[in-house]
N, C-alpha and C. Protein backbone atom coordinates (compact mmCIF):
# COMPACT_ATOMS: atom_id res chain seq x y z
N UNK A 1 -27.98 -19.20 -59.39
CA UNK A 1 -28.16 -19.63 -58.02
C UNK A 1 -29.62 -19.95 -57.80
N UNK A 2 -29.89 -21.14 -57.25
CA UNK A 2 -31.28 -21.50 -57.00
C UNK A 2 -31.51 -21.65 -55.51
N UNK A 3 -32.68 -21.28 -55.09
CA UNK A 3 -33.03 -21.40 -53.67
C UNK A 3 -33.69 -22.74 -53.42
N UNK A 4 -33.42 -23.33 -52.27
CA UNK A 4 -34.07 -24.59 -51.91
C UNK A 4 -35.53 -24.32 -51.58
N UNK A 5 -36.38 -25.26 -51.95
CA UNK A 5 -37.79 -25.09 -51.63
C UNK A 5 -38.01 -25.40 -50.15
N UNK A 6 -38.98 -24.75 -49.52
CA UNK A 6 -39.24 -25.00 -48.10
C UNK A 6 -39.52 -26.48 -47.80
N UNK A 7 -40.10 -27.19 -48.76
CA UNK A 7 -40.42 -28.60 -48.55
C UNK A 7 -39.15 -29.44 -48.41
N UNK A 8 -38.03 -29.01 -48.98
CA UNK A 8 -36.80 -29.78 -48.94
C UNK A 8 -35.92 -29.50 -47.75
N UNK A 9 -36.30 -28.51 -46.95
CA UNK A 9 -35.47 -28.14 -45.81
C UNK A 9 -36.01 -28.84 -44.56
N UNK A 10 -35.13 -29.54 -43.86
CA UNK A 10 -35.52 -30.20 -42.62
C UNK A 10 -34.54 -29.83 -41.52
N UNK A 11 -34.97 -30.02 -40.30
CA UNK A 11 -34.05 -29.77 -39.18
C UNK A 11 -32.84 -30.70 -39.29
N UNK A 12 -33.09 -31.97 -39.58
CA UNK A 12 -31.99 -32.93 -39.67
C UNK A 12 -31.00 -32.54 -40.76
N UNK A 13 -31.50 -32.08 -41.92
CA UNK A 13 -30.62 -31.67 -43.00
C UNK A 13 -29.79 -30.46 -42.61
N UNK A 14 -30.29 -29.69 -41.64
CA UNK A 14 -29.56 -28.51 -41.16
C UNK A 14 -28.59 -28.84 -40.04
N UNK A 15 -28.59 -30.10 -39.61
CA UNK A 15 -27.70 -30.51 -38.54
C UNK A 15 -28.30 -30.42 -37.15
N UNK A 16 -29.61 -30.26 -37.08
CA UNK A 16 -30.29 -30.15 -35.80
C UNK A 16 -30.79 -31.53 -35.39
N UNK A 17 -30.46 -31.94 -34.18
CA UNK A 17 -30.90 -33.22 -33.64
C UNK A 17 -32.09 -32.94 -32.72
N UNK A 18 -33.31 -33.11 -33.23
CA UNK A 18 -34.50 -32.78 -32.44
C UNK A 18 -34.69 -33.74 -31.27
N UNK A 19 -34.24 -34.97 -31.40
CA UNK A 19 -34.34 -35.91 -30.27
C UNK A 19 -33.46 -35.44 -29.12
N UNK A 20 -32.26 -34.96 -29.43
CA UNK A 20 -31.37 -34.44 -28.39
C UNK A 20 -32.00 -33.20 -27.74
N UNK A 21 -32.65 -32.37 -28.54
CA UNK A 21 -33.33 -31.19 -28.00
C UNK A 21 -34.46 -31.57 -27.05
N UNK A 22 -35.23 -32.58 -27.45
CA UNK A 22 -36.31 -33.06 -26.58
C UNK A 22 -35.75 -33.61 -25.27
N UNK A 23 -34.65 -34.33 -25.33
CA UNK A 23 -34.03 -34.88 -24.13
C UNK A 23 -33.53 -33.75 -23.23
N UNK A 24 -32.94 -32.72 -23.84
CA UNK A 24 -32.44 -31.58 -23.06
C UNK A 24 -33.59 -30.90 -22.32
N UNK A 25 -34.72 -30.75 -22.97
CA UNK A 25 -35.88 -30.14 -22.33
C UNK A 25 -36.32 -30.98 -21.13
N UNK A 26 -36.40 -32.28 -21.32
CA UNK A 26 -36.80 -33.16 -20.21
C UNK A 26 -35.83 -33.04 -19.04
N UNK A 27 -34.54 -32.98 -19.34
CA UNK A 27 -33.53 -32.88 -18.28
C UNK A 27 -33.60 -31.55 -17.53
N UNK A 28 -34.07 -30.49 -18.20
CA UNK A 28 -34.13 -29.16 -17.58
C UNK A 28 -35.42 -28.90 -16.81
N UNK A 29 -36.46 -29.64 -17.09
CA UNK A 29 -37.77 -29.33 -16.52
C UNK A 29 -37.77 -29.18 -15.01
N UNK A 30 -37.16 -30.09 -14.29
CA UNK A 30 -37.20 -30.01 -12.83
C UNK A 30 -36.39 -28.81 -12.32
N UNK A 31 -35.27 -28.51 -12.97
CA UNK A 31 -34.47 -27.36 -12.56
C UNK A 31 -35.23 -26.07 -12.80
N UNK A 32 -35.91 -25.97 -13.91
CA UNK A 32 -36.69 -24.77 -14.22
C UNK A 32 -37.85 -24.65 -13.25
N UNK A 33 -38.51 -25.75 -12.94
CA UNK A 33 -39.65 -25.72 -12.03
C UNK A 33 -39.24 -25.20 -10.66
N UNK A 34 -38.03 -25.49 -10.22
CA UNK A 34 -37.56 -25.03 -8.91
C UNK A 34 -37.38 -23.51 -8.85
N UNK A 35 -37.31 -22.85 -9.98
CA UNK A 35 -37.15 -21.39 -10.00
C UNK A 35 -38.48 -20.66 -9.86
N UNK A 36 -39.58 -21.39 -9.95
CA UNK A 36 -40.91 -20.78 -9.89
C UNK A 36 -41.37 -20.66 -8.45
N UNK A 37 -41.55 -19.42 -8.02
CA UNK A 37 -42.04 -19.15 -6.68
C UNK A 37 -43.27 -18.27 -6.77
N UNK A 38 -43.74 -17.76 -5.65
CA UNK A 38 -44.94 -16.91 -5.66
C UNK A 38 -44.75 -15.60 -6.44
N UNK A 39 -43.50 -15.23 -6.71
CA UNK A 39 -43.25 -13.99 -7.44
C UNK A 39 -43.50 -14.14 -8.94
N UNK A 40 -43.51 -15.34 -9.45
CA UNK A 40 -43.68 -15.58 -10.88
C UNK A 40 -45.13 -15.34 -11.26
N UNK A 41 -45.35 -14.53 -12.29
CA UNK A 41 -46.70 -14.13 -12.67
C UNK A 41 -47.41 -15.13 -13.55
N UNK A 42 -46.73 -16.07 -14.13
CA UNK A 42 -47.38 -17.03 -15.00
C UNK A 42 -46.45 -18.17 -15.30
N UNK A 43 -46.93 -19.07 -16.15
CA UNK A 43 -46.08 -20.19 -16.51
C UNK A 43 -45.55 -19.98 -17.92
N UNK A 44 -46.21 -20.50 -18.92
CA UNK A 44 -45.68 -20.47 -20.29
C UNK A 44 -46.15 -19.28 -21.10
N UNK A 45 -47.19 -18.61 -20.68
CA UNK A 45 -47.78 -17.55 -21.50
C UNK A 45 -47.03 -16.23 -21.43
N UNK A 46 -46.24 -16.02 -20.41
CA UNK A 46 -45.54 -14.74 -20.28
C UNK A 46 -44.07 -14.90 -20.63
N UNK A 47 -43.45 -13.78 -20.86
CA UNK A 47 -42.04 -13.83 -21.20
C UNK A 47 -41.19 -14.18 -19.99
N UNK A 48 -40.03 -14.78 -20.21
CA UNK A 48 -39.15 -15.14 -19.08
C UNK A 48 -38.77 -13.90 -18.27
N UNK A 49 -38.67 -14.07 -16.99
CA UNK A 49 -38.27 -12.97 -16.13
C UNK A 49 -39.42 -12.08 -15.68
N UNK A 50 -40.62 -12.43 -16.07
CA UNK A 50 -41.77 -11.63 -15.70
C UNK A 50 -42.19 -12.00 -14.29
N UNK A 51 -41.95 -11.11 -13.36
CA UNK A 51 -42.29 -11.40 -11.96
C UNK A 51 -42.68 -10.11 -11.26
N UNK A 52 -43.28 -10.29 -10.09
CA UNK A 52 -43.66 -9.12 -9.31
C UNK A 52 -42.43 -8.56 -8.63
N UNK A 53 -42.35 -7.25 -8.47
CA UNK A 53 -41.19 -6.66 -7.80
C UNK A 53 -41.22 -6.99 -6.31
N UNK A 54 -40.05 -7.12 -5.69
CA UNK A 54 -40.03 -7.38 -4.25
C UNK A 54 -40.58 -6.20 -3.48
N UNK A 55 -41.14 -6.48 -2.32
CA UNK A 55 -41.72 -5.39 -1.50
C UNK A 55 -40.79 -5.03 -0.39
């Protein structure tokens, strides 16, 4: 049994359509942006769901 070299492995060869993924991200951006309110502690640097507790 031989292992494939990392150079021979691609997303496309694995069945991943990166263009479709990029399109999905673009389609979601406005919906995700609408979830950001004053309670959100950051944008991309923090983990999802990181917000201040309600008072």
